[in-house]
Amino acid sequence: MPDAPKQSAQVLLVGAGPGPVDLMTLRAVRAVESAQALLYDALISEEAIALAPAGCVRIQTGKRAGKPSMHQDEINRLMLRLARKGLRVVRLKGGDPSVFGRVGEESAFLREHGVSVEVVPGVTAACAAAAQFGFPLTHRGEARRVVFTTARLEAGTLSGDWSAAGDPEATLAVYMGGEVAQALCERMIAAGRAPDTPAVAVEQGGANARIYHGTLETLGDRLNSQGGPVVIVVGEVAAQAWAAVADEAALAVRSA
């Protein structure tokens, strides 16, 4: 029989936001500052990792699409093992843990093994991109709904039900879509969305962000993502994205 977990065993699933430390919540910062074991994803900034105290066990868990990474069951077992040792475990995730962050899987596993879980929310990529480039996700008369989705590949082909893309009053925020942008745009047009619907792609949100402007008909050709995660936003609101920023040296902008 395995040893019973300690009553104090707890894991915090914490959202680090889109990158810059000053966009982390105060609760998230305090969680990292008090961590005894920090399990962080590949896209977490060095600034955020540096918040952890001296003596904290730091483990990079990967979880980056298309790159070598630690398997989810291995991450689950690692969190459980560290928590059972009585350490204050912080699992630090990019964006918000509840938005494509596998928070449900990890919470269920830990609770099934007697470990309590606290979720600390963070700013998700689509919201951060909208704020950085000056466009809303909802807008009176243009966008009444927001759909968050991912671009999944199965056997090299874009999969999933894209019928929601045909709704002209919906803003679509597509995570992890950079490598399949052309197929993604074609699928949305096939679902009934007008080819001239405004669309933008934001790569590597934060100080080094790039924004690509276009429409469903043109964005796929203009996007050539190489260096970081991409969120694609489709809908009338995307036309409001502004390309000029104060610090052009830190921001490469490509526009139509």
Foldseek 3Di string as FASTA:
>chain_A
DDDAFDLQQAEEEEECELEDNVQGDPVRLVLQLQFQEEEEEPRHYPVSNVSHDPNRHYHYAYPDPPDDGHDPVVVLVVSLVCSSVVTHHYYYYYAFCVQPNCPVVSCVSQVVRPYHYHYHTGHHDVNLQCVVQPFDQADPPWAPEEAEEEFDDDPNATDDDLLVLQDQRYKYKYWQCLVPLLNVLVVSVVSHHDQQWKKKKWFSRDQQIEIETGGSNPRNVGRDDDDGIMIMITHNRNVRGHFDDPCCVRYPYDYD
